[in-house]
Every structure is written in C-alpha cells, then in structure tokens.
C-alpha cells in the first residue's frame, strides 16, 4: 500500500503544478447530488449568482445517461427561476449528434463564452473530464467555460458535476472500504478534475448519505490536501474565494488535516488528530481564517460548550456506532459527542461479508471522535427539524483486525 500512496502523491503534485495557485475569480457551486426540482433555495441561488433574471446559463449534461432528458429538466428548472438557460449538446451518450463536431463548433463555443453561468449535470464524472479535458489537455470548449469563470461567472455542478470541482477527483471509485484499504489505481478510481474550487480544497458529494468520509480521508492524505468538504445530497456549498456558504436541505462536513498525523509503522491507513466540523444550511466558513459563522437562527440559541462549567449532557447514553459509514452516522456521532455524557464516541468501518477481489478481508477501521479545544455547537429547530452546527471535533482512525465470521449463533441450552 505504501507504493500506492507514493504514486498518488506524485500524480497529485504534477496536477497541482499544472493548475497553479491563481486566485479563483468566479463562484463555484458544489451540489451534493439528488437535487430536487423544488429546492428553490439552491436553484434560485444559481440564477442569482449568475446575474439574476435573464442570466444566460449553459447547461452541460455531459455526464448523464440520458443527456436530452437531463438537460431538458435542468433548463426548465433554471428558466422557471428566471434564467435564460440553454443546453449545450456535448455528451458522449447523446444520440443523433456528432460529439467531436459539437465539441469544436465555434458557434457553440462562442455561446458558452457569452454565458454568465455553466451547469454540469449528474451522471458519470469520467465523461466530463474525458470529453472536455482528454489526456489532461483542455479543449476549446473547456477554455470557454474557464473564460466564464475567470470573468466572475458561475460554474455549478451536481453529483458528477460536483465531483469534477477539485483538482483531483474520484473517477469511478469502488466503495469506501476499498479506498480505506488502499486498493485504488490511477485513471481507474481517481483522476485529475477541473479545479473550480481552487487547488487546496478537495470536494466530494452524496457525502453523508453514502458515508464518504471513508474515502475522503485517505484521498486527502494521498493527494496532499489539508482541507476537504463533503456536501450532502440536495444541498449546495457556494464557494466564492475563501468563503463557503451552505444552502439547501442539509449541510456539509469540513475536514481539516492540517494538524493530523499518521503512524508509519502501521501497515494500513491510519490517522490521528483530524478536525471535523459540520456546517449546516445557512452557516458560513472562511477558509483563510478558519472562522465559522453559524446561521442567524442558530445564533439565537445558546451555544453548546461541553467544556463549560455549567454543561449538562442532554443525551443519557453512550452509543457505539457499528456502521460509522452508514447514512448520516458520522454527523450523528458528532452530535452525540456534543451533547452526550462522555468525551469520546467510537464506531467501526468494516465489511461483514468479504467481496471478491478484496485483498484484506479481515481489515477494518475504528473511528474515535473526541472533544478538544474549540469543540462547540448549536442546535435549532427554527426550520422544522433539529439542525446542528458542530465545530472542531477530533478524529482518530485506527486499523483493526476483524473476526471472521464476525459472530456465531449461540448453541441451544441443553
């Protein structure tokens, strides 16, 4: 596994050198996937950031399995919110068009360059980079999109369209456990992205629903990132310069590895001292200062500080999370840590049933979340549900050997 991570770091360094470190002029809108048509907060924000009523937005369904249908739905929804959106027919799976002809069509390229916003649909992100950046070289169409962004415009993307936002991305990745175990390869599970959020922030999507912290942590270490942002479904992170604002249904997990370390003597991925913060809808975070500003409705509630002298836990029990990579488990564990009776919460990431090709079927990982300086949070029900903001939770990840089978039935009593 050491050679795998070494090659990953070398590849990432070359991509970082190619992208450079210039300031981001435009606005990147990273949508965690499964964006609903009635999520007015996100759709309207895309239009507003692109210039408001009448904003010209070019829609790329390049990643979609059914590009005509996907583009049509996106165009209709954007236009319902005041945009003048138009589909750009550049998609490998679109029928009845010549992909290369459209990709290099001067009229289509000019139309994109004249837009104020660009929207990438969901689907398979490898189609986006293979079409617009084949072999790592930007096409004239991609250069037109960069022209929009560099002029202060918007690049938005959902699901696959969000995956390409970083300088590095997962291409066609297997499950979280395989990534944790270090079983991934260049051009198969990872690739260079398009870099809309800048060279220093790694983003991922469908994050809480699919427990993707299990793949984000090893990816960040391998690619040389210290900051990562995992955006949940039906939610958007508006990235403008160093400012991040969360909009939509839920939130995003901010991962900070600037003080994290590893034990080189352990034969599998491990981590000590990562910092996790859960940013909810309406929260803002400044990547330069590290300061998080909770939404106004959160600030009207008392701050929850487990280190305060008058702190009283409202949760009575200390749960152990048997599937820390399950739907929403990592944030539920953070909330338990914030309001619970103990200063740490633990959980397991493992595969109970080995899969074909798994080179380490007995390998699992224990996640230990614990309080430290600055571990605070807020809870509000103002928007109709219990919404948390939780800041600066520490995390250690330790490889463990799982029993096989994990359990055995009890024998009948004689």
Protein backbone atom coordinates (compact mmCIF):
# COMPACT_ATOMS: atom_id res chain seq x y z
CA UNK A 1 0.00 0.00 0.00
CA UNK A 2 2.95 2.36 0.57
CA UNK A 3 3.81 2.32 -3.14
CA UNK A 4 0.16 3.07 -3.99
CA UNK A 5 0.14 6.20 -1.84
CA UNK A 6 3.54 7.31 -3.13
CA UNK A 7 2.35 7.16 -6.74
CA UNK A 8 -0.84 9.02 -5.78
CA UNK A 9 1.14 11.85 -4.19
CA UNK A 10 3.43 12.18 -7.23
CA UNK A 11 0.44 12.29 -9.58
CA UNK A 12 -1.31 14.92 -7.43
CA UNK A 13 1.83 17.06 -7.30
CA UNK A 14 2.05 17.13 -11.07
CA UNK A 15 -1.61 18.15 -11.35
CA UNK A 16 -1.14 20.90 -8.75
CA UNK A 17 1.85 22.24 -10.69
CA UNK A 18 -0.20 22.27 -13.90
CA UNK A 19 -3.19 24.04 -12.32
CA UNK A 20 -1.15 26.59 -10.45
CA UNK A 21 -2.28 28.63 -7.45
CA UNK A 22 -4.02 31.61 -9.03
CA UNK A 23 -6.95 33.15 -7.18
CA UNK A 24 -10.43 31.95 -8.10
CA UNK A 25 -12.33 34.83 -9.73
CA UNK A 26 -15.68 33.13 -10.14
CA UNK A 27 -18.16 31.29 -7.95
CA UNK A 28 -18.21 27.51 -7.71
CA UNK A 29 -21.50 25.95 -6.60
CA UNK A 30 -20.89 22.39 -5.41
CA UNK A 31 -24.15 20.43 -5.16
CA UNK A 32 -24.10 17.12 -3.33
CA UNK A 33 -26.35 15.32 -5.80
CA UNK A 34 -30.02 14.27 -5.73
CA UNK A 35 -31.00 17.93 -6.21
CA UNK A 36 -34.78 18.18 -6.14
CA UNK A 37 -36.66 20.37 -8.57
CA UNK A 38 -38.48 22.09 -5.68
CA UNK A 39 -35.28 23.09 -3.86
CA UNK A 40 -35.84 26.77 -4.62
CA UNK A 41 -33.02 27.92 -2.33
CA UNK A 42 -30.36 26.21 -4.47
CA UNK A 43 -31.85 26.79 -7.91
CA UNK A 44 -32.55 30.46 -7.22
CA UNK A 45 -29.06 30.95 -5.84
CA UNK A 46 -27.53 29.58 -9.04
CA UNK A 47 -29.53 32.09 -11.07
CA UNK A 48 -28.83 34.98 -8.70
CA UNK A 49 -25.09 34.31 -8.63
CA UNK A 50 -25.14 34.17 -12.44
CA UNK A 51 -26.59 37.67 -12.66
CA UNK A 52 -30.24 37.32 -11.72
CA UNK A 53 -33.28 37.48 -14.04
CA UNK A 54 -32.32 36.83 -17.64
CA UNK A 55 -28.97 35.24 -16.70
CA UNK A 56 -27.59 33.17 -19.57
CA UNK A 57 -26.62 29.73 -18.30
CA UNK A 58 -25.08 26.99 -20.45
CA UNK A 59 -26.18 23.50 -19.36
CA UNK A 60 -23.89 20.52 -19.93
CA UNK A 61 -25.43 17.08 -19.47
CA UNK A 62 -22.10 15.57 -20.48
CA UNK A 63 -22.14 13.06 -17.61
CA UNK A 64 -25.76 11.96 -17.99
CA UNK A 65 -27.04 8.58 -19.13
CA UNK A 66 -29.88 10.33 -20.92
CA UNK A 67 -28.45 13.75 -21.81
CA UNK A 68 -31.52 15.08 -23.63
CA UNK A 69 -33.81 14.34 -20.69
CA UNK A 70 -31.39 15.58 -18.01
CA UNK A 71 -30.56 18.79 -19.85
CA UNK A 72 -34.22 19.46 -20.55
CA UNK A 73 -35.18 19.17 -16.89
CA UNK A 74 -32.31 21.37 -15.76
CA UNK A 75 -33.01 24.04 -18.38
CA UNK A 76 -36.70 24.11 -17.47
CA UNK A 77 -35.99 24.45 -13.75
CA UNK A 78 -33.41 27.21 -14.21
CA UNK A 79 -35.72 29.11 -16.54
CA UNK A 80 -38.56 28.80 -14.03
CA UNK A 81 -36.30 30.69 -11.63
CA UNK A 82 -35.66 33.49 -14.12
CA UNK A 83 -32.67 32.30 -16.14
CA UNK A 84 -32.23 32.04 -19.88
CA UNK A 85 -30.68 28.59 -19.83
CA UNK A 86 -29.77 26.55 -22.89
CA UNK A 87 -28.50 23.01 -23.32
CA UNK A 88 -25.09 22.57 -24.97
CA UNK A 89 -25.25 19.21 -26.83
CA UNK A 90 -21.82 17.90 -25.85
CA UNK A 91 -22.33 14.45 -24.32
CA UNK A 92 -20.90 11.04 -25.27
CA UNK A 93 -24.23 9.29 -24.73
CA UNK A 94 -26.36 11.80 -26.63
CA UNK A 95 -27.94 10.27 -29.70
CA UNK A 96 -28.21 11.89 -33.11
CA UNK A 97 -25.29 14.32 -32.68
CA UNK A 98 -21.61 14.26 -33.60
CA UNK A 99 -19.78 14.69 -30.30
CA UNK A 100 -16.49 15.92 -31.74
CA UNK A 101 -18.23 18.25 -34.16
CA UNK A 102 -20.25 19.88 -31.39
CA UNK A 103 -17.28 19.96 -29.02
CA UNK A 104 -15.33 22.01 -31.54
CA UNK A 105 -18.22 24.01 -33.01
CA UNK A 106 -17.20 27.73 -32.95
CA UNK A 107 -20.83 28.82 -32.60
CA UNK A 108 -21.40 26.62 -29.53
CA UNK A 109 -18.07 27.67 -28.02
CA UNK A 110 -18.97 31.34 -28.51
CA UNK A 111 -22.38 30.75 -26.94
CA UNK A 112 -20.74 29.24 -23.84
CA UNK A 113 -18.18 32.06 -23.61
CA UNK A 114 -21.02 34.61 -23.68
CA UNK A 115 -22.81 32.95 -20.75
CA UNK A 116 -22.73 34.09 -17.15
CA UNK A 117 -23.08 30.62 -15.72
CA UNK A 118 -22.40 26.97 -16.54
CA UNK A 119 -24.20 23.99 -15.04
CA UNK A 120 -22.96 20.38 -15.08
CA UNK A 121 -25.47 17.58 -14.55
CA UNK A 122 -25.01 14.38 -12.62
CA UNK A 123 -24.09 11.01 -14.08
CA UNK A 124 -20.57 9.66 -14.59
CA UNK A 125 -17.86 12.25 -13.94
CA UNK A 126 -15.31 10.46 -16.12
CA UNK A 127 -17.36 11.51 -19.15
CA UNK A 128 -16.85 15.16 -18.21
CA UNK A 129 -13.06 15.04 -17.93
CA UNK A 130 -12.63 12.63 -20.85
CA UNK A 131 -14.72 14.89 -23.09
CA UNK A 132 -13.58 18.36 -22.02
CA UNK A 133 -10.05 17.53 -20.89
CA UNK A 134 -8.88 14.44 -22.81
CA UNK A 135 -5.44 13.32 -21.75
CA UNK A 136 -5.31 16.24 -19.32
CA UNK A 137 -5.38 18.81 -22.13
CA UNK A 138 -8.19 21.41 -22.09
CA UNK A 139 -10.35 21.64 -25.19
CA UNK A 140 -11.51 24.94 -26.68
CA UNK A 141 -14.90 24.29 -25.05
CA UNK A 142 -13.34 23.94 -21.62
CA UNK A 143 -11.32 27.10 -22.21
CA UNK A 144 -14.59 28.90 -22.95
CA UNK A 145 -16.02 27.68 -19.64
CA UNK A 146 -12.90 28.90 -17.84
CA UNK A 147 -13.37 32.25 -19.54
CA UNK A 148 -16.83 32.49 -17.98
CA UNK A 149 -15.45 31.60 -14.56
CA UNK A 150 -12.42 33.89 -14.78
CA UNK A 151 -14.72 36.79 -15.67
CA UNK A 152 -16.55 36.34 -12.37
CA UNK A 153 -19.22 33.92 -13.57
CA UNK A 154 -20.58 30.75 -12.04
CA UNK A 155 -19.74 27.10 -12.53
CA UNK A 156 -22.29 24.86 -10.79
CA UNK A 157 -22.45 21.09 -10.74
CA UNK A 158 -24.48 18.37 -9.07
CA UNK A 159 -23.28 14.86 -8.24
CA UNK A 160 -20.84 14.04 -11.09
CA UNK A 161 -20.81 17.76 -11.88
CA UNK A 162 -19.65 18.38 -8.31
CA UNK A 163 -17.03 15.62 -8.40
CA UNK A 164 -15.01 17.47 -11.07
CA UNK A 165 -14.76 20.65 -8.97
CA UNK A 166 -11.44 19.72 -7.32
CA UNK A 167 -8.01 19.49 -8.92
CA UNK A 168 -8.19 15.77 -8.04
CA UNK A 169 -11.31 13.65 -8.05
CA UNK A 170 -12.67 10.15 -7.74
CA UNK A 171 -13.27 8.85 -11.23
CA UNK A 172 -15.17 5.58 -10.95
CA UNK A 173 -14.44 4.66 -7.37
CA UNK A 174 -15.48 1.45 -5.64
CA UNK A 175 -16.93 1.50 -2.14
CA UNK A 176 -15.47 3.36 0.83
CA UNK A 177 -13.87 0.29 2.36
CA UNK A 178 -11.79 -0.48 -0.71
CA UNK A 179 -10.43 3.08 -0.70
CA UNK A 180 -9.70 2.88 3.04
CA UNK A 181 -7.81 -0.33 2.36
CA UNK A 182 -5.68 1.41 -0.29
CA UNK A 183 -6.96 -0.62 -3.22
CA UNK A 184 -7.27 2.05 -5.93
CA UNK A 185 -5.47 2.99 -9.13
CA UNK A 186 -4.69 5.94 -11.40
CA UNK A 187 -7.20 6.52 -14.23
CA UNK A 188 -9.45 3.84 -12.76
CA UNK A 189 -10.56 5.11 -9.35
CA UNK A 190 -9.04 8.61 -9.38
CA UNK A 191 -8.12 11.27 -11.90
CA UNK A 192 -7.44 14.97 -12.22
CA UNK A 193 -10.53 17.18 -12.03
CA UNK A 194 -11.23 20.65 -13.40
CA UNK A 195 -10.22 22.62 -10.31
CA UNK A 196 -13.06 25.13 -9.99
CA UNK A 197 -12.75 25.32 -6.18
CA UNK A 198 -9.03 26.01 -6.38
CA UNK A 199 -6.02 23.78 -5.78
CA UNK A 200 -6.30 23.48 -2.00
CA UNK A 201 -9.84 22.22 -1.35
CA UNK A 202 -10.97 18.66 -2.02
CA UNK A 203 -14.72 18.15 -2.52
CA UNK A 204 -16.95 15.10 -2.59
CA UNK A 205 -20.70 14.57 -2.96
CA UNK A 206 -23.55 12.32 -1.71
CA UNK A 207 -21.42 12.64 1.36
CA UNK A 208 -23.46 11.83 4.47
CA UNK A 209 -25.94 9.57 2.70
CA UNK A 210 -23.15 7.31 1.43
CA UNK A 211 -20.67 7.65 4.31
CA UNK A 212 -17.99 9.03 2.05
CA UNK A 213 -15.74 10.23 4.82
CA UNK A 214 -14.40 6.69 4.45
CA UNK A 215 -12.93 7.59 1.08
CA UNK A 216 -12.26 11.29 1.63
CA UNK A 217 -9.72 10.83 4.43
CA UNK A 218 -7.31 8.52 2.53
CA UNK A 219 -7.79 10.56 -0.65
CA UNK A 220 -6.86 13.79 1.10
CA UNK A 221 -3.73 12.21 2.55
CA UNK A 222 -2.73 10.69 -0.76
CA UNK A 223 -3.39 13.82 -2.82
CA UNK A 224 -1.76 16.23 -0.37
CA UNK A 225 -4.89 18.10 0.75
CA UNK A 226 -5.35 19.56 4.21
CA UNK A 227 -8.93 20.77 3.63
CA UNK A 228 -11.88 18.77 2.36
CA UNK A 229 -15.58 19.50 2.01
CA UNK A 230 -18.15 16.72 1.74
CA UNK A 231 -21.51 18.06 0.57
CA UNK A 232 -24.73 16.22 1.37
CA UNK A 233 -27.49 15.46 -1.11
CA UNK A 234 -29.99 18.20 -2.08
CA UNK A 235 -27.54 20.72 -0.63
CA UNK A 236 -25.09 23.19 -2.14
CA UNK A 237 -21.85 24.76 -0.98
CA UNK A 238 -21.32 28.20 -2.52
CA UNK A 239 -17.55 28.65 -2.80
CA UNK A 240 -16.53 32.21 -3.54
CA UNK A 241 -12.87 32.93 -2.92
CA UNK A 242 -12.16 31.70 0.61
CA UNK A 243 -15.81 31.95 1.67
CA UNK A 244 -18.11 28.91 1.85
CA UNK A 245 -21.85 29.21 2.41
CA UNK A 246 -24.16 26.22 2.80
CA UNK A 247 -27.57 26.39 1.11
CA UNK A 248 -30.36 23.85 0.70
CA UNK A 249 -31.73 20.91 2.64
CA UNK A 250 -28.92 19.80 4.94
CA UNK A 251 -25.22 20.54 5.31
CA UNK A 252 -21.60 19.67 4.59
CA UNK A 253 -18.71 18.19 6.53
CA UNK A 254 -15.49 20.20 6.64
CA UNK A 255 -12.37 18.09 7.19
CA UNK A 256 -9.12 19.71 8.33
CA UNK A 257 -5.94 17.60 8.29
CA UNK A 258 -3.50 20.47 8.94
CA UNK A 259 -2.56 19.04 12.35
CA UNK A 260 -3.20 15.36 11.57
CA UNK A 261 -0.52 12.72 11.66
CA UNK A 262 -0.06 9.03 10.89
CA UNK A 263 1.89 6.13 12.32
CA UNK A 264 4.19 4.90 9.55
CA UNK A 265 4.74 1.62 11.39
CA UNK A 266 1.12 0.56 10.95
CA UNK A 267 0.62 -1.47 7.76
CA UNK A 268 -2.69 0.17 6.80
CA UNK A 269 -4.27 3.62 6.58
CA UNK A 270 -4.41 5.42 9.90
CA UNK A 271 -4.89 8.96 11.10
CA UNK A 272 -4.56 10.94 14.32
CA UNK A 273 -5.83 14.42 15.14
CA UNK A 274 -8.10 15.24 12.20
CA UNK A 275 -10.58 18.06 12.78
CA UNK A 276 -14.21 17.71 11.71
CA UNK A 277 -16.82 20.46 11.56
CA UNK A 278 -20.39 20.04 10.41
CA UNK A 279 -21.70 23.13 8.63
CA UNK A 280 -25.48 23.27 8.34
CA UNK A 281 -27.69 25.25 5.94
CA UNK A 282 -27.14 28.96 6.42
CA UNK A 283 -23.69 28.51 8.00
CA UNK A 284 -20.61 30.18 6.54
CA UNK A 285 -16.93 29.36 6.82
CA UNK A 286 -13.83 31.32 5.85
CA UNK A 287 -11.09 29.00 4.62
CA UNK A 288 -8.37 31.59 5.26
CA UNK A 289 -9.24 32.50 8.84
CA UNK A 290 -10.80 29.18 9.82
CA UNK A 291 -13.73 31.04 11.34
CA UNK A 292 -17.24 29.58 11.09
CA UNK A 293 -20.28 31.82 11.40
CA UNK A 294 -23.45 29.84 12.18
CA UNK A 295 -26.74 30.84 10.56
CA UNK A 296 -28.63 33.66 12.24
CA UNK A 297 -31.33 31.33 13.57
CA UNK A 298 -28.62 29.23 15.23
CA UNK A 299 -27.06 32.23 16.95
CA UNK A 300 -30.37 32.98 18.61
CA UNK A 301 -29.95 29.71 20.52
CA UNK A 302 -27.47 29.06 23.37
CA UNK A 303 -24.06 27.82 22.34
CA UNK A 304 -23.38 24.24 23.43
CA UNK A 305 -19.94 24.00 25.03
CA UNK A 306 -19.05 20.65 26.61
CA UNK A 307 -16.04 22.28 28.31
CA UNK A 308 -18.16 24.89 30.10
CA UNK A 309 -18.57 24.58 33.85
CA UNK A 310 -22.35 24.56 33.62
CA UNK A 311 -22.54 22.00 30.80
CA UNK A 312 -25.20 19.34 31.35
CA UNK A 313 -25.46 16.48 28.85
CA UNK A 314 -28.94 16.04 27.41
CA UNK A 315 -28.22 12.60 25.97
CA UNK A 316 -28.11 9.85 28.57
CA UNK A 317 -26.49 7.04 26.63
CA UNK A 318 -23.09 6.48 25.02
CA UNK A 319 -23.80 4.66 21.74
CA UNK A 320 -21.18 2.71 19.81
CA UNK A 321 -21.68 3.11 16.06
CA UNK A 322 -21.38 -0.31 14.47
CA UNK A 323 -21.56 1.28 10.99
CA UNK A 324 -19.81 4.64 11.19
CA UNK A 325 -20.02 4.87 7.38
CA UNK A 326 -23.79 4.41 7.39
CA UNK A 327 -26.30 7.05 6.29
CA UNK A 328 -25.61 10.16 8.41
CA UNK A 329 -23.71 8.19 11.07
CA UNK A 330 -20.67 10.48 11.24
CA UNK A 331 -22.78 13.58 11.96
CA UNK A 332 -24.97 11.67 14.42
CA UNK A 333 -21.80 10.65 16.23
CA UNK A 334 -20.64 14.28 16.31
CA UNK A 335 -23.99 15.40 17.74
CA UNK A 336 -23.78 12.68 20.39
CA UNK A 337 -20.30 13.84 21.32
CA UNK A 338 -21.53 17.42 21.60
CA UNK A 339 -24.47 16.66 23.88
CA UNK A 340 -23.59 13.30 25.41
CA UNK A 341 -22.17 12.18 28.77
CA UNK A 342 -18.70 11.13 27.56
CA UNK A 343 -15.78 12.94 25.95
CA UNK A 344 -15.41 10.42 23.14
CA UNK A 345 -17.56 8.40 20.74
CA UNK A 346 -16.39 5.36 18.78
CA UNK A 347 -17.54 3.48 15.72
CA UNK A 348 -16.45 0.82 13.25
CA UNK A 349 -15.95 0.77 9.49
CA UNK A 350 -15.76 -2.80 8.20
CA UNK A 351 -17.17 -5.22 5.68
CA UNK A 352 -19.04 -8.05 7.36
CA UNK A 353 -19.12 -10.17 4.19
CA UNK A 354 -15.90 -10.30 2.12
CA UNK A 355 -16.22 -9.40 -1.56
CA UNK A 356 -14.39 -10.99 -4.49
CA UNK A 357 -11.05 -9.30 -5.06
CA UNK A 358 -10.79 -7.88 -1.55
CA UNK A 359 -7.10 -8.26 -0.72
CA UNK A 360 -7.60 -7.65 3.02
CA UNK A 361 -10.97 -9.13 4.01
CA UNK A 362 -10.12 -9.06 7.72
CA UNK A 363 -9.17 -5.37 7.76
CA UNK A 364 -11.45 -2.85 9.47
CA UNK A 365 -11.08 0.60 11.00
CA UNK A 366 -12.13 2.09 14.31
CA UNK A 367 -13.15 5.76 14.27
CA UNK A 368 -12.62 7.59 17.55
CA UNK A 369 -14.24 11.02 17.80
CA UNK A 370 -13.35 13.10 20.84
CA UNK A 371 -13.63 16.58 22.26
CA UNK A 372 -10.82 19.12 22.23
CA UNK A 373 -10.20 22.84 22.32
CA UNK A 374 -12.96 24.62 20.43
CA UNK A 375 -15.42 21.72 20.32
CA UNK A 376 -18.70 23.63 20.43
CA UNK A 377 -22.01 23.65 18.64
CA UNK A 378 -25.52 24.97 18.19
CA UNK A 379 -28.93 23.34 17.86
CA UNK A 380 -32.02 24.94 16.37
CA UNK A 381 -35.48 23.76 15.38
CA UNK A 382 -36.39 27.02 13.65
CA UNK A 383 -36.52 25.40 10.19
CA UNK A 384 -38.72 22.49 11.21
CA UNK A 385 -36.12 19.93 12.27
CA UNK A 386 -33.29 19.54 14.77
CA UNK A 387 -30.42 21.18 12.88
CA UNK A 388 -26.92 21.07 14.35
CA UNK A 389 -23.75 23.01 13.75
CA UNK A 390 -20.80 21.17 15.32
CA UNK A 391 -17.27 22.57 15.26
CA UNK A 392 -13.81 21.13 15.80
CA UNK A 393 -14.40 17.52 16.73
CA UNK A 394 -11.18 15.48 16.79
CA UNK A 395 -10.92 12.19 14.92
CA UNK A 396 -8.50 9.27 15.01
CA UNK A 397 -8.77 6.33 12.61
CA UNK A 398 -7.06 3.08 13.62
CA UNK A 399 -6.82 -0.11 11.53
CA UNK A 400 -8.14 -3.20 13.31
CA UNK A 401 -8.39 -6.89 12.55
CA UNK A 402 -11.99 -8.09 12.36
CA UNK A 403 -13.10 -11.60 13.33
CA UNK A 404 -14.30 -13.89 10.56
CA UNK A 405 -17.07 -14.73 10.92
CA UNK A 406 -17.97 -11.60 12.85
CA UNK A 407 -20.27 -13.61 15.11
CA UNK A 408 -21.52 -17.14 15.68
CA UNK A 409 -25.02 -18.16 16.81
CA UNK A 410 -25.46 -19.31 20.40
CA UNK A 411 -25.91 -23.02 20.85
CA UNK A 412 -29.25 -24.19 22.34
CA UNK A 413 -29.27 -24.70 26.08
CA UNK A 414 -29.23 -28.43 26.96
